[in-house]
Amino acid sequence: MSCPYHTLPASSFWRQAVADRTTSDLDPHLPSGLQFGPEQRIASAGSCFAQHISRALKERGFNYYVTETAPSYVTPEQEERFGYGVFSARYGNIYTTLQLLQLMQRAFGGFQPADQFWTDGDGRVFDLLRPRITPKGFASSFEAEADLKQHLKAVRQLIETTDVFIFTLGLTECWVSKLDGTVYPTCPGCGSAGEFDETKYAFHNLSVTETTGYLAEAINLMTAANPRLQIILTVSPVPLAATMEPRHVLQATTYSKSVLRVAAEEMVRRYANVHYFASYEVITNPKNAGAFFAEDARSVTPEGVARAMQLFFAHFTGASADAAVPSARVPKRPAAPVEDPKIVCDEDEFYRALAASRPK
C-alpha cells in the first residue's frame, strides 16, 4: 500500500507550509467555504481584538451592520465614548462564551440577571454588564432600565436580520454572581463600575466542556432566530492581562487560549454554518518569533493587525492575498506597547483601578 500522506497538499506539512515560508508569505488558513460581499450585513462581537475586524470592514466599504445607533444629540466625538458603533450593538466587550450566551438569553427573553445595576455614591446608576457604555453612569434606575430595554431590542434585531456574525473568543476566566450565575465582563470593583464583595461575586475559570457547551447553546439560539445566519469564529491572540489562578500568567494564558481554540474547532465540526478564521495562528505562529507583538509581549502591532486583516479579507471576500500591504513585512519590535485610541478595552480601566488602589 502507498502511504496516505503522499496525497496530501503542501499545507499539511510543516516544512513546506511553515519552515520554507517567509513570515509575510505564511498563511495558516485554507480556502473558506464562506464568501461575503459588500451588500451583505456583517455584524460582530467579542473581545478587544474583535474591534480590528469591525474597523477593517468599515474602512474597506463593507456593510458593517449596526442596529443600535447613536441618538441625534450625540456628537461623532462622543459616539465611541458611549459605545456606539464600536460593535454592532452597544454591548461592549464580550470576553467569554457564557457572556455571549447570557446576552442571547436576555435578548430573547430567557434570562434576567438578579444583580445587574449598581449605584455609586453620587446616585449615578451603572449597568455592570456594560460598565463602559456610560462613563458617568445613568441619572436614574428608570433611565438605565429604559436604555437596557432598547439595547436588548437592538440585539434581537441584529441577530434576526444580519447575514454574518463574527465572534472573537477572548477569555475563559470570569467573575460570576453567587445569586444566579450572572457573568460580568470584568470583576465588579476592578474597573469602571461596581464594588467588589466576596459574598456576592466569585471567580470562575471555564472548563473545555463549559466553554464549548455555552458556545453551542448561543449558536443554537442565534440560528433558531435566524436560520440563514453564517457565523465566523476567531480567537484573540492577546494574552491575559492578569490571572486569578494560582499559577503563572503565561500558563494561564496557554490554558485559556487552548480551550478557546478547541471550542471554536468543535463548533466548526458540529455546525455547517460555523467557520473559523485563524487570526490566533497568524499572530502567534513560531515563524514570527513574536515579531507581531510589541515589547510588552501582549499588544499586537499594527503590522500584525494588518496581516491578519489582509488574510481575513482574502479568505472571506475573495480579495487577493498576494496584494500584500507594506506593513505585512515583519518590523523591528516596538520598544513600547502600541497604543490605539480606537480600540476600547476593559483592561485599560482594570489597570487604572489597580494603580489607584495600591497602598501609597
Protein backbone atom coordinates (compact mmCIF):
# COMPACT_ATOMS: atom_id res chain seq x y z
CA MET A 1 0.00 0.00 0.00
CA SER A 2 1.15 3.56 -0.72
CA CYS A 3 1.47 5.89 2.24
CA PRO A 4 -1.69 8.05 2.52
CA TYR A 5 0.41 11.10 3.38
CA HIS A 6 1.72 11.12 -0.20
CA THR A 7 -1.61 12.51 -1.43
CA LEU A 8 -1.74 15.44 0.96
CA PRO A 9 -1.26 19.08 -0.16
CA ALA A 10 1.74 21.18 0.86
CA SER A 11 -0.35 22.90 3.54
CA SER A 12 -0.38 19.64 5.52
CA PHE A 13 3.39 19.57 6.01
CA TRP A 14 5.32 21.79 8.41
CA ARG A 15 8.38 22.06 6.17
CA GLN A 16 6.53 23.32 3.10
CA ALA A 17 3.77 25.24 4.88
CA VAL A 18 5.82 26.88 7.64
CA ALA A 19 9.58 26.30 7.64
CA ASP A 20 10.08 27.15 3.96
CA ARG A 21 7.85 30.24 4.11
CA THR A 22 8.77 33.80 4.93
CA THR A 23 6.72 35.47 7.64
CA SER A 24 4.97 37.74 5.16
CA ASP A 25 4.14 34.74 2.97
CA LEU A 26 2.88 32.38 5.68
CA ASP A 27 -0.88 31.88 5.55
CA PRO A 28 -2.18 29.40 8.17
CA HIS A 29 -5.60 29.21 6.55
CA LEU A 30 -7.20 27.01 3.89
CA PRO A 31 -9.79 28.41 1.47
CA SER A 32 -13.01 29.27 3.29
CA GLY A 33 -16.39 27.81 2.41
CA LEU A 34 -17.96 31.18 3.12
CA GLN A 35 -17.70 34.27 0.94
CA PHE A 36 -19.49 37.55 1.58
CA GLY A 37 -19.73 40.78 -0.37
CA PRO A 38 -20.30 44.48 0.30
CA GLU A 39 -24.06 44.08 0.00
CA GLN A 40 -24.41 41.64 2.90
CA ARG A 41 -24.91 42.64 6.52
CA ILE A 42 -21.86 41.82 8.64
CA ALA A 43 -22.09 42.02 12.44
CA SER A 44 -19.51 41.36 15.13
CA ALA A 45 -18.91 40.96 18.85
CA GLY A 46 -16.19 39.75 21.16
CA SER A 47 -13.02 40.82 22.92
CA CYS A 48 -10.92 43.91 22.27
CA PHE A 49 -9.20 42.30 19.26
CA ALA A 50 -12.61 41.94 17.59
CA GLN A 51 -12.70 45.70 17.10
CA HIS A 52 -9.97 45.43 14.48
CA ILE A 53 -12.36 43.41 12.31
CA SER A 54 -15.23 45.89 12.64
CA ARG A 55 -12.94 48.80 11.82
CA ALA A 56 -11.44 46.99 8.82
CA LEU A 57 -14.91 46.20 7.46
CA LYS A 58 -15.87 49.86 7.63
CA GLU A 59 -12.61 51.05 6.07
CA ARG A 60 -12.98 48.65 3.14
CA GLY A 61 -16.54 49.71 2.35
CA PHE A 62 -18.35 46.62 3.58
CA ASN A 63 -21.78 46.79 5.15
CA TYR A 64 -20.87 46.72 8.82
CA TYR A 65 -24.28 46.26 10.38
CA VAL A 66 -25.19 48.35 13.43
CA THR A 67 -28.67 48.17 14.96
CA GLU A 68 -28.04 50.39 17.98
CA THR A 69 -27.11 53.78 16.61
CA ALA A 70 -26.39 57.00 18.48
CA PRO A 71 -29.22 59.50 19.02
CA SER A 72 -29.02 62.75 17.10
CA TYR A 73 -27.78 64.79 20.07
CA VAL A 74 -24.63 62.66 20.44
CA THR A 75 -21.69 64.17 18.57
CA PRO A 76 -19.36 62.00 16.43
CA GLU A 77 -16.66 62.52 19.06
CA GLN A 78 -18.97 61.18 21.78
CA GLU A 79 -20.21 58.12 19.89
CA GLU A 80 -17.25 55.87 20.66
CA ARG A 81 -17.04 57.13 24.24
CA PHE A 82 -20.63 55.98 24.80
CA GLY A 83 -20.19 52.67 22.99
CA TYR A 84 -21.96 53.45 19.74
CA GLY A 85 -20.56 51.78 16.64
CA VAL A 86 -17.71 50.06 18.48
CA PHE A 87 -19.63 46.83 17.88
CA SER A 88 -22.87 46.10 16.06
CA ALA A 89 -24.85 46.81 19.23
CA ARG A 90 -23.95 48.60 22.43
CA TYR A 91 -22.95 45.51 24.41
CA GLY A 92 -19.28 46.42 24.92
CA ASN A 93 -16.59 43.76 25.01
CA ILE A 94 -17.83 40.17 25.29
CA TYR A 95 -14.98 38.03 26.57
CA THR A 96 -16.41 34.60 27.38
CA THR A 97 -18.82 32.19 25.74
CA LEU A 98 -21.01 32.34 28.86
CA GLN A 99 -21.26 36.10 28.47
CA LEU A 100 -22.34 35.65 24.84
CA LEU A 101 -24.89 33.01 25.81
CA GLN A 102 -26.43 35.11 28.56
CA LEU A 103 -26.66 38.10 26.21
CA MET A 104 -28.61 35.96 23.75
CA GLN A 105 -30.80 34.59 26.55
CA ARG A 106 -31.54 38.09 27.83
CA ALA A 107 -32.28 39.36 24.32
CA PHE A 108 -34.73 36.56 23.58
CA GLY A 109 -36.39 36.51 27.00
CA GLY A 110 -34.76 33.51 28.64
CA PHE A 111 -32.74 35.11 31.44
CA GLN A 112 -32.99 38.15 33.71
CA PRO A 113 -29.98 38.85 35.97
CA ALA A 114 -30.60 39.37 39.67
CA ASP A 115 -27.63 41.72 40.14
CA GLN A 116 -27.11 43.98 37.14
CA PHE A 117 -27.28 47.60 38.29
CA TRP A 118 -25.02 49.42 40.76
CA THR A 119 -25.44 52.92 42.18
CA ASP A 120 -22.37 54.94 43.14
CA GLY A 121 -22.02 57.49 45.92
CA ASP A 122 -23.34 60.29 43.71
CA GLY A 123 -26.51 58.41 42.84
CA ARG A 124 -25.37 57.53 39.31
CA VAL A 125 -26.54 54.13 38.07
CA PHE A 126 -24.27 51.76 36.15
CA ASP A 127 -25.07 48.62 34.17
CA LEU A 128 -22.50 46.09 35.44
CA LEU A 129 -22.94 44.04 32.26
CA ARG A 130 -21.99 47.07 30.14
CA PRO A 131 -19.86 49.11 32.56
CA ARG A 132 -18.20 51.38 29.99
CA ILE A 133 -21.11 52.48 27.80
CA THR A 134 -21.91 55.39 30.13
CA PRO A 135 -18.65 56.70 31.64
CA LYS A 136 -20.52 58.72 34.27
CA GLY A 137 -23.49 56.38 34.68
CA PHE A 138 -27.22 56.90 34.17
CA ALA A 139 -29.13 59.59 36.00
CA SER A 140 -31.65 57.12 37.46
CA SER A 141 -32.70 53.47 37.53
CA PHE A 142 -35.58 54.34 35.21
CA GLU A 143 -33.15 55.72 32.63
CA ALA A 144 -30.83 52.71 32.98
CA GLU A 145 -33.67 50.20 32.56
CA ALA A 146 -35.10 52.09 29.58
CA ASP A 147 -31.70 52.04 27.89
CA LEU A 148 -31.35 48.31 28.61
CA LYS A 149 -34.75 47.60 27.08
CA GLN A 150 -33.78 49.43 23.91
CA HIS A 151 -30.41 47.66 23.87
CA LEU A 152 -31.87 44.16 24.06
CA LYS A 153 -34.35 45.05 21.32
CA ALA A 154 -31.40 46.11 19.13
CA VAL A 155 -29.60 42.82 19.87
CA ARG A 156 -32.69 40.82 18.84
CA GLN A 157 -32.96 42.79 15.62
CA LEU A 158 -29.27 42.29 14.96
CA ILE A 159 -29.36 38.51 15.28
CA GLU A 160 -32.64 38.14 13.37
CA THR A 161 -31.58 40.23 10.38
CA THR A 162 -27.81 40.04 9.90
CA ASP A 163 -26.21 37.76 7.31
CA VAL A 164 -22.88 37.09 9.02
CA PHE A 165 -21.97 37.24 12.71
CA ILE A 166 -18.27 37.33 13.63
CA PHE A 167 -17.37 36.44 17.21
CA THR A 168 -13.88 36.70 18.70
CA LEU A 169 -13.33 34.44 21.71
CA GLY A 170 -11.16 36.16 24.31
CA LEU A 171 -11.09 34.58 27.79
CA THR A 172 -12.10 31.66 29.95
CA GLU A 173 -11.55 33.42 33.30
CA CYS A 174 -14.57 35.36 34.54
CA TRP A 175 -16.47 36.64 37.56
CA VAL A 176 -20.00 35.46 38.30
CA SER A 177 -22.78 36.38 40.68
CA LYS A 178 -23.30 33.93 43.54
CA LEU A 179 -27.01 34.74 43.37
CA ASP A 180 -27.81 33.38 39.92
CA GLY A 181 -24.63 32.82 37.94
CA THR A 182 -24.74 36.11 36.02
CA VAL A 183 -21.34 36.60 34.38
CA TYR A 184 -19.70 40.02 34.19
CA PRO A 185 -17.25 41.37 31.58
CA THR A 186 -14.92 42.46 34.39
CA CYS A 187 -14.72 41.89 38.12
CA PRO A 188 -17.08 44.39 39.81
CA GLY A 189 -14.97 46.98 41.60
CA CYS A 190 -11.88 46.31 39.46
CA GLY A 191 -12.76 48.70 36.69
CA SER A 192 -15.18 51.47 35.87
CA ALA A 193 -18.15 50.34 37.99
CA GLY A 194 -19.22 48.25 40.95
CA GLU A 195 -17.81 47.32 44.34
CA PHE A 196 -16.16 44.00 44.99
CA ASP A 197 -17.91 41.87 47.61
CA GLU A 198 -16.66 38.30 48.09
CA THR A 199 -20.06 37.30 49.45
CA LYS A 200 -21.68 38.30 46.13
CA TYR A 201 -19.09 37.55 43.44
CA ALA A 202 -16.95 34.51 42.70
CA PHE A 203 -14.07 33.85 40.33
CA HIS A 204 -14.58 31.04 37.82
CA ASN A 205 -12.38 29.64 35.08
CA LEU A 206 -14.47 27.93 32.42
CA SER A 207 -13.56 24.36 31.51
CA VAL A 208 -13.42 22.97 27.99
CA THR A 209 -16.84 21.40 28.49
CA GLU A 210 -18.37 24.62 29.81
CA THR A 211 -16.81 26.83 27.13
CA THR A 212 -17.90 24.52 24.34
CA GLY A 213 -21.35 23.93 25.80
CA TYR A 214 -22.13 27.62 26.32
CA LEU A 215 -20.94 28.47 22.81
CA ALA A 216 -23.10 25.72 21.31
CA GLU A 217 -26.14 26.99 23.23
CA ALA A 218 -25.53 30.53 21.98
CA ILE A 219 -25.19 29.31 18.39
CA ASN A 220 -28.40 27.30 18.72
CA LEU A 221 -30.28 30.37 19.98
CA MET A 222 -28.93 32.60 17.20
CA THR A 223 -29.60 30.05 14.47
CA ALA A 224 -33.13 29.44 15.74
CA ALA A 225 -33.79 33.18 15.48
CA ASN A 226 -32.12 33.42 12.05
CA PRO A 227 -31.79 30.08 10.18
CA ARG A 228 -29.77 31.65 7.36
CA LEU A 229 -27.16 33.09 9.73
CA GLN A 230 -23.49 32.38 8.99
CA ILE A 231 -21.04 32.56 11.91
CA ILE A 232 -17.29 33.17 11.83
CA LEU A 233 -15.33 32.33 14.98
CA THR A 234 -11.84 33.52 15.75
CA VAL A 235 -9.62 33.50 18.84
CA SER A 236 -7.96 36.64 20.16
CA PRO A 237 -4.16 36.33 20.23
CA VAL A 238 -3.88 38.85 23.08
CA PRO A 239 -2.59 37.22 26.30
CA LEU A 240 -4.30 37.63 29.67
CA ALA A 241 -3.66 40.92 31.45
CA ALA A 242 -3.79 39.10 34.79
CA THR A 243 -4.92 35.77 36.19
CA MET A 244 -6.71 34.82 39.39
CA GLU A 245 -5.46 31.25 39.09
CA PRO A 246 -2.61 30.21 41.45
CA ARG A 247 -0.27 29.77 38.51
CA HIS A 248 2.00 31.85 36.29
CA VAL A 249 0.08 34.15 33.94
CA LEU A 250 1.82 32.53 30.97
CA GLN A 251 0.45 29.12 31.94
CA ALA A 252 -2.98 30.66 32.49
CA THR A 253 -2.86 32.26 29.05
CA THR A 254 -1.87 28.97 27.40
CA TYR A 255 -4.77 27.21 29.11
CA SER A 256 -7.30 29.88 28.18
CA LYS A 257 -6.31 30.16 24.51
CA SER A 258 -6.11 26.38 24.14
CA VAL A 259 -9.63 25.95 25.49
CA LEU A 260 -10.99 28.67 23.22
CA ARG A 261 -9.29 27.20 20.17
CA VAL A 262 -10.74 23.77 20.96
CA ALA A 263 -14.21 25.27 21.41
CA ALA A 264 -14.00 27.00 18.04
CA GLU A 265 -12.88 23.77 16.39
CA GLU A 266 -15.74 21.82 17.94
CA MET A 267 -18.27 24.33 16.61
CA VAL A 268 -16.85 24.17 13.08
CA ARG A 269 -17.09 20.37 13.14
CA ARG A 270 -20.59 20.43 14.60
CA TYR A 271 -22.31 23.16 12.58
CA ALA A 272 -22.32 23.67 8.81
CA ASN A 273 -22.93 27.40 9.21
CA VAL A 274 -19.91 27.98 11.51
CA HIS A 275 -16.49 28.87 10.09
CA TYR A 276 -13.09 29.60 11.60
CA PHE A 277 -10.61 32.35 10.85
CA ALA A 278 -7.06 31.72 12.07
CA SER A 279 -6.15 35.15 13.44
CA TYR A 280 -4.63 33.50 16.52
CA GLU A 281 -2.30 31.45 14.34
CA VAL A 282 -1.44 34.44 12.14
CA ILE A 283 -0.16 36.44 15.11
CA THR A 284 1.36 33.74 17.34
CA ASN A 285 2.91 31.23 14.93
CA PRO A 286 6.57 30.42 15.78
CA LYS A 287 7.82 31.65 12.41
CA ASN A 288 7.05 35.19 13.59
CA ALA A 289 9.14 34.69 16.74
CA GLY A 290 6.90 37.19 18.49
CA ALA A 291 7.51 39.94 15.93
CA PHE A 292 3.82 40.81 15.75
CA PHE A 293 3.82 41.69 19.46
CA ALA A 294 5.15 44.90 20.98
CA GLU A 295 7.83 44.88 23.69
CA ASP A 296 5.22 44.11 26.33
CA ALA A 297 4.69 40.75 24.54
CA ARG A 298 0.95 41.40 24.67
CA SER A 299 -0.04 44.32 22.43
CA VAL A 300 -0.44 43.30 18.78
CA THR A 301 1.47 45.65 16.49
CA PRO A 302 -0.20 47.48 13.58
CA GLU A 303 1.77 45.23 11.24
CA GLY A 304 0.32 42.14 12.89
CA VAL A 305 -3.19 43.53 12.70
CA ALA A 306 -2.67 44.44 9.04
CA ARG A 307 -1.50 40.93 8.18
CA ALA A 308 -4.44 39.31 9.98
CA MET A 309 -6.96 41.60 8.29
CA GLN A 310 -5.33 41.06 4.90
CA LEU A 311 -5.79 37.31 5.21
CA PHE A 312 -9.31 37.67 6.62
CA PHE A 313 -10.49 39.53 3.54
CA ALA A 314 -8.54 37.23 1.23
CA HIS A 315 -10.35 34.17 2.54
CA PHE A 316 -13.83 35.50 3.22
CA THR A 317 -14.29 38.08 0.44
CA GLY A 318 -12.05 36.83 -2.33
CA ALA A 319 -9.66 39.79 -2.13
CA SER A 320 -6.21 38.97 -3.43
CA ALA A 321 -3.90 37.57 -0.76
CA ASP A 322 -0.96 38.47 -2.98
CA ALA A 323 -1.69 42.19 -2.73
CA ALA A 324 0.43 42.44 0.38
CA VAL A 325 0.32 45.75 2.14
CA PRO A 326 3.76 47.15 3.02
CA SER A 327 3.01 46.78 6.72
CA ALA A 328 2.77 43.00 6.33
CA ARG A 329 6.58 42.84 6.45
CA VAL A 330 7.83 41.95 9.91
CA PRO A 331 9.19 45.11 11.56
CA LYS A 332 11.52 45.60 14.46
CA ARG A 333 9.59 45.16 17.66
CA PRO A 334 8.37 48.48 19.11
CA ALA A 335 10.06 49.49 22.34
CA ALA A 336 6.71 50.21 24.00
CA PRO A 337 3.14 48.93 23.77
CA VAL A 338 1.29 50.18 20.74
CA GLU A 339 -1.48 52.46 21.91
CA ASP A 340 -4.53 52.68 19.68
CA PRO A 341 -7.17 55.10 20.96
CA LYS A 342 -9.79 53.49 18.72
CA ILE A 343 -9.62 50.12 20.49
CA VAL A 344 -11.77 50.09 23.63
CA CYS A 345 -10.56 47.56 26.23
CA ASP A 346 -11.79 46.92 29.74
CA GLU A 347 -8.20 46.13 30.69
CA ASP A 348 -7.49 49.86 30.48
CA GLU A 349 -9.95 50.53 33.30
CA PHE A 350 -8.62 47.50 35.20
CA TYR A 351 -5.06 48.81 35.20
CA ARG A 352 -6.18 52.30 36.22
CA ALA A 353 -8.28 50.93 39.08
CA LEU A 354 -5.45 48.67 40.20
CA ALA A 355 -2.96 51.53 40.23
CA ALA A 356 -5.37 53.74 42.19
CA SER A 357 -5.96 51.08 44.84
CA ARG A 358 -2.31 50.32 45.57
CA PRO A 359 -1.08 51.45 49.01
CA LYS A 360 0.89 54.70 48.86
